[in-house]
C-alpha cells in the first residue's frame, strides 16, 4: 500500500496460499468487499486501520475472486485476489 494504491491491484494465488499486505505509507485498511462511492463490506476480512509499516495477512481456503478496498480511500484503493484451485 503506497500512493493510494494496492500494488499490484490484482493478485493470483492457489487455494491454501496467503496474501500479505504491507502498508508503506499513511494509514489504510484492507477490507473485503466492493469499493467505490457506495462501498460494501462483505465480512470476509477487515484489517482495521493499519499504520505505516504495519502488515496484515489472509489465507484463502476456497477458490474464487475476492474484491477488496481501503475503507479510508474506497474510490482510489481497490483490488482483488483471484484464488485458483
N, C-alpha and C. Protein backbone atom coordinates (compact mmCIF):
# COMPACT_ATOMS: atom_id res chain seq x y z
N UNK A 1 0.85 -1.16 0.00
CA UNK A 1 0.00 0.00 0.00
C UNK A 1 0.90 1.23 0.00
N UNK A 2 0.82 1.97 -1.09
CA UNK A 2 1.61 3.20 -1.19
C UNK A 2 0.97 4.09 -2.25
N UNK A 3 1.04 5.39 -2.04
CA UNK A 3 0.48 6.35 -3.00
C UNK A 3 -0.97 6.07 -3.34
N UNK A 4 -1.78 5.76 -2.35
CA UNK A 4 -3.20 5.50 -2.53
C UNK A 4 -3.48 4.39 -3.54
N UNK A 5 -2.67 3.32 -3.48
CA UNK A 5 -2.87 2.19 -4.38
C UNK A 5 -2.39 0.90 -3.73
N UNK A 6 -3.01 -0.21 -4.14
CA UNK A 6 -2.52 -1.53 -3.79
C UNK A 6 -1.62 -1.96 -4.95
N UNK A 7 -0.46 -2.48 -4.63
CA UNK A 7 0.44 -2.88 -5.71
C UNK A 7 0.90 -4.31 -5.52
N UNK A 8 0.57 -5.17 -6.46
CA UNK A 8 -0.30 -4.94 -7.61
C UNK A 8 -1.76 -4.98 -7.20
N UNK A 9 -2.65 -4.39 -8.00
CA UNK A 9 -4.06 -4.38 -7.62
C UNK A 9 -4.75 -5.74 -7.76
N UNK A 10 -4.21 -6.60 -8.61
CA UNK A 10 -4.76 -7.96 -8.76
C UNK A 10 -3.66 -8.96 -8.48
N UNK A 11 -3.98 -9.94 -7.63
CA UNK A 11 -3.02 -10.98 -7.27
C UNK A 11 -3.67 -12.33 -7.57
N UNK A 12 -2.91 -13.23 -8.18
CA UNK A 12 -3.38 -14.61 -8.45
C UNK A 12 -2.60 -15.55 -7.54
N UNK A 13 -3.36 -16.37 -6.81
CA UNK A 13 -2.75 -17.34 -5.91
C UNK A 13 -3.48 -18.68 -6.04
N UNK A 14 -3.04 -19.68 -5.29
CA UNK A 14 -3.64 -21.01 -5.27
C UNK A 14 -4.30 -21.23 -3.92
N UNK A 15 -5.36 -22.05 -3.89
CA UNK A 15 -6.03 -22.38 -2.63
C UNK A 15 -4.99 -22.79 -1.58
N UNK A 16 -5.13 -22.23 -0.39
CA UNK A 16 -4.21 -22.51 0.71
C UNK A 16 -3.11 -21.48 0.86
N UNK A 17 -2.92 -20.62 -0.17
CA UNK A 17 -1.92 -19.57 -0.09
C UNK A 17 -2.43 -18.39 0.73
N UNK A 18 -1.50 -17.56 1.15
CA UNK A 18 -1.84 -16.35 1.90
C UNK A 18 -1.41 -15.12 1.10
N UNK A 19 -2.10 -14.03 1.35
CA UNK A 19 -1.71 -12.72 0.82
C UNK A 19 -1.36 -11.85 2.02
N UNK A 20 -0.24 -11.17 1.92
CA UNK A 20 0.17 -10.24 2.98
C UNK A 20 0.23 -8.84 2.41
N UNK A 21 -0.48 -7.93 3.04
CA UNK A 21 -0.44 -6.53 2.69
C UNK A 21 0.51 -5.82 3.65
N UNK A 22 1.34 -4.95 3.13
CA UNK A 22 2.24 -4.14 3.94
C UNK A 22 1.94 -2.68 3.64
N UNK A 23 1.67 -1.92 4.67
CA UNK A 23 1.38 -0.50 4.48
C UNK A 23 2.69 0.28 4.51
N UNK A 24 3.07 0.80 3.36
CA UNK A 24 4.32 1.56 3.25
C UNK A 24 4.15 3.06 3.40
N UNK A 25 2.91 3.53 3.48
CA UNK A 25 2.72 4.97 3.54
C UNK A 25 1.33 5.32 4.07
N UNK A 26 1.24 6.23 5.01
CA UNK A 26 -0.03 6.73 5.51
C UNK A 26 -0.79 5.71 6.34
N UNK A 27 -2.11 5.86 6.40
CA UNK A 27 -2.99 4.95 7.11
C UNK A 27 -3.99 4.37 6.11
N UNK A 28 -4.14 3.05 6.13
CA UNK A 28 -5.02 2.37 5.18
C UNK A 28 -5.65 1.15 5.84
N UNK A 29 -6.59 0.52 5.12
CA UNK A 29 -7.14 -0.77 5.53
C UNK A 29 -7.10 -1.70 4.32
N UNK A 30 -7.24 -2.98 4.58
CA UNK A 30 -7.59 -3.93 3.53
C UNK A 30 -8.89 -4.58 4.02
N UNK A 31 -9.96 -4.30 3.29
CA UNK A 31 -11.30 -4.69 3.70
C UNK A 31 -11.96 -5.42 2.54
N UNK A 32 -12.45 -6.62 2.78
CA UNK A 32 -13.07 -7.38 1.70
C UNK A 32 -14.44 -6.80 1.36
N UNK A 33 -14.71 -6.77 0.05
CA UNK A 33 -15.98 -6.26 -0.43
C UNK A 33 -15.78 -5.37 -1.64
N UNK A 34 -16.81 -4.64 -1.98
CA UNK A 34 -16.80 -3.79 -3.17
C UNK A 34 -16.50 -2.35 -2.78
N UNK A 35 -15.48 -1.77 -3.39
CA UNK A 35 -15.14 -0.37 -3.13
C UNK A 35 -15.96 0.56 -4.00
N UNK A 36 -15.60 1.82 -3.99
CA UNK A 36 -16.29 2.83 -4.80
C UNK A 36 -17.06 3.79 -3.92
N UNK A 37 -17.91 4.62 -4.55
CA UNK A 37 -18.68 5.61 -3.81
C UNK A 37 -19.57 4.98 -2.75
N UNK A 38 -20.24 3.89 -3.11
CA UNK A 38 -21.16 3.21 -2.20
C UNK A 38 -20.54 1.87 -1.82
N UNK A 39 -19.41 1.93 -1.13
CA UNK A 39 -18.69 0.70 -0.84
C UNK A 39 -19.49 -0.21 0.10
N UNK A 40 -19.25 -1.52 -0.05
CA UNK A 40 -19.97 -2.52 0.73
C UNK A 40 -18.97 -3.55 1.25
N UNK A 41 -18.88 -3.68 2.56
CA UNK A 41 -18.05 -4.73 3.16
C UNK A 41 -18.79 -6.06 3.04
N UNK A 42 -18.05 -7.15 2.80
CA UNK A 42 -18.71 -8.45 2.74
C UNK A 42 -18.40 -9.32 3.96
N UNK A 43 -17.57 -8.85 4.88
CA UNK A 43 -17.33 -9.56 6.13
C UNK A 43 -16.29 -10.66 6.08
N UNK A 44 -15.65 -10.89 4.96
CA UNK A 44 -14.64 -11.96 4.90
C UNK A 44 -13.39 -11.60 5.69
N UNK A 45 -12.92 -10.36 5.57
CA UNK A 45 -11.80 -9.89 6.38
C UNK A 45 -11.82 -8.36 6.45
N UNK A 46 -11.20 -7.85 7.48
CA UNK A 46 -11.04 -6.40 7.67
C UNK A 46 -9.84 -6.19 8.58
N UNK A 47 -8.82 -5.58 8.06
CA UNK A 47 -7.59 -5.38 8.82
C UNK A 47 -7.74 -4.33 9.91
N UNK A 48 -8.77 -3.50 9.82
CA UNK A 48 -8.81 -2.33 10.67
C UNK A 48 -7.75 -1.36 10.17
N UNK A 49 -7.57 -0.25 10.85
CA UNK A 49 -6.61 0.76 10.40
C UNK A 49 -5.19 0.26 10.58
N UNK A 50 -4.42 0.30 9.50
CA UNK A 50 -3.02 -0.10 9.52
C UNK A 50 -2.15 1.14 9.44
N UNK A 51 -1.37 1.37 10.47
CA UNK A 51 -0.42 2.47 10.44
C UNK A 51 0.73 2.14 9.50
N UNK A 52 1.48 3.14 9.13
CA UNK A 52 2.64 2.95 8.28
C UNK A 52 3.58 1.90 8.87
N UNK A 53 3.99 0.94 8.06
CA UNK A 53 4.87 -0.14 8.50
C UNK A 53 4.13 -1.39 8.98
N UNK A 54 2.82 -1.31 9.13
CA UNK A 54 2.04 -2.46 9.60
C UNK A 54 1.78 -3.45 8.48
N UNK A 55 1.53 -4.71 8.88
CA UNK A 55 1.23 -5.79 7.93
C UNK A 55 -0.04 -6.51 8.35
N UNK A 56 -0.67 -7.15 7.36
CA UNK A 56 -1.89 -7.91 7.61
C UNK A 56 -1.94 -9.05 6.59
N UNK A 57 -2.30 -10.26 7.03
CA UNK A 57 -2.33 -11.43 6.14
C UNK A 57 -3.68 -12.13 6.20
N UNK A 58 -4.05 -12.74 5.07
CA UNK A 58 -5.26 -13.56 4.97
C UNK A 58 -4.89 -14.82 4.19
N UNK A 59 -5.33 -15.98 4.69
CA UNK A 59 -5.15 -17.25 3.99
C UNK A 59 -6.46 -17.59 3.31
N UNK A 60 -6.38 -18.00 2.04
CA UNK A 60 -7.56 -18.28 1.23
C UNK A 60 -7.71 -19.78 1.04
N UNK A 61 -8.81 -20.32 1.54
CA UNK A 61 -9.05 -21.76 1.51
C UNK A 61 -10.04 -22.19 0.44
N UNK A 62 -10.64 -21.23 -0.26
CA UNK A 62 -11.66 -21.53 -1.28
C UNK A 62 -11.35 -20.76 -2.56
N UNK A 63 -11.45 -21.46 -3.70
CA UNK A 63 -11.23 -20.80 -4.99
C UNK A 63 -12.31 -19.75 -5.23
N UNK A 64 -11.94 -18.69 -5.92
CA UNK A 64 -12.88 -17.63 -6.24
C UNK A 64 -12.17 -16.32 -6.45
N UNK A 65 -12.95 -15.27 -6.68
CA UNK A 65 -12.42 -13.91 -6.82
C UNK A 65 -12.91 -13.10 -5.65
N UNK A 66 -11.97 -12.45 -4.98
CA UNK A 66 -12.25 -11.72 -3.75
C UNK A 66 -11.87 -10.25 -3.93
N UNK A 67 -12.85 -9.38 -4.16
CA UNK A 67 -12.55 -7.96 -4.25
C UNK A 67 -12.28 -7.38 -2.86
N UNK A 68 -11.49 -6.32 -2.83
CA UNK A 68 -11.22 -5.64 -1.56
C UNK A 68 -10.92 -4.17 -1.83
N UNK A 69 -10.88 -3.38 -0.76
CA UNK A 69 -10.67 -1.94 -0.88
C UNK A 69 -10.12 -1.40 0.42
N UNK A 70 -9.70 -0.15 0.39
CA UNK A 70 -9.31 0.56 1.61
C UNK A 70 -10.53 1.34 2.09
N UNK A 71 -10.92 1.10 3.31
CA UNK A 71 -12.11 1.77 3.83
C UNK A 71 -11.91 3.28 3.96
N UNK A 72 -10.68 3.73 4.12
CA UNK A 72 -10.38 5.16 4.22
C UNK A 72 -10.42 5.80 2.84
N UNK A 73 -9.99 5.06 1.82
CA UNK A 73 -9.90 5.56 0.44
C UNK A 73 -10.62 4.58 -0.51
N UNK A 74 -11.94 4.40 -0.39
CA UNK A 74 -12.64 3.34 -1.13
C UNK A 74 -12.73 3.56 -2.64
N UNK A 75 -12.56 4.78 -3.09
CA UNK A 75 -12.63 5.05 -4.53
C UNK A 75 -11.28 4.78 -5.18
N UNK A 76 -10.22 5.29 -4.57
CA UNK A 76 -8.88 5.18 -5.17
C UNK A 76 -8.26 3.80 -4.98
N UNK A 77 -8.49 3.19 -3.84
CA UNK A 77 -7.77 1.96 -3.48
C UNK A 77 -8.69 0.75 -3.52
N UNK A 78 -8.61 0.02 -4.64
CA UNK A 78 -9.39 -1.20 -4.81
C UNK A 78 -8.50 -2.26 -5.42
N UNK A 79 -8.78 -3.51 -5.11
CA UNK A 79 -8.01 -4.61 -5.67
C UNK A 79 -8.82 -5.88 -5.64
N UNK A 80 -8.17 -6.98 -6.05
CA UNK A 80 -8.85 -8.27 -5.98
C UNK A 80 -7.79 -9.38 -5.88
N UNK A 81 -8.20 -10.43 -5.21
CA UNK A 81 -7.40 -11.63 -5.09
C UNK A 81 -8.13 -12.71 -5.87
N UNK A 82 -7.46 -13.31 -6.84
CA UNK A 82 -8.01 -14.42 -7.60
C UNK A 82 -7.38 -15.69 -7.07
N UNK A 83 -8.21 -16.57 -6.51
CA UNK A 83 -7.73 -17.81 -5.92
C UNK A 83 -8.12 -18.96 -6.85
N UNK A 84 -7.07 -19.65 -7.36
CA UNK A 84 -7.29 -20.74 -8.29
C UNK A 84 -7.14 -22.08 -7.57
N UNK A 85 -7.86 -23.12 -8.05
CA UNK A 85 -7.76 -24.44 -7.40
C UNK A 85 -6.35 -25.02 -7.46
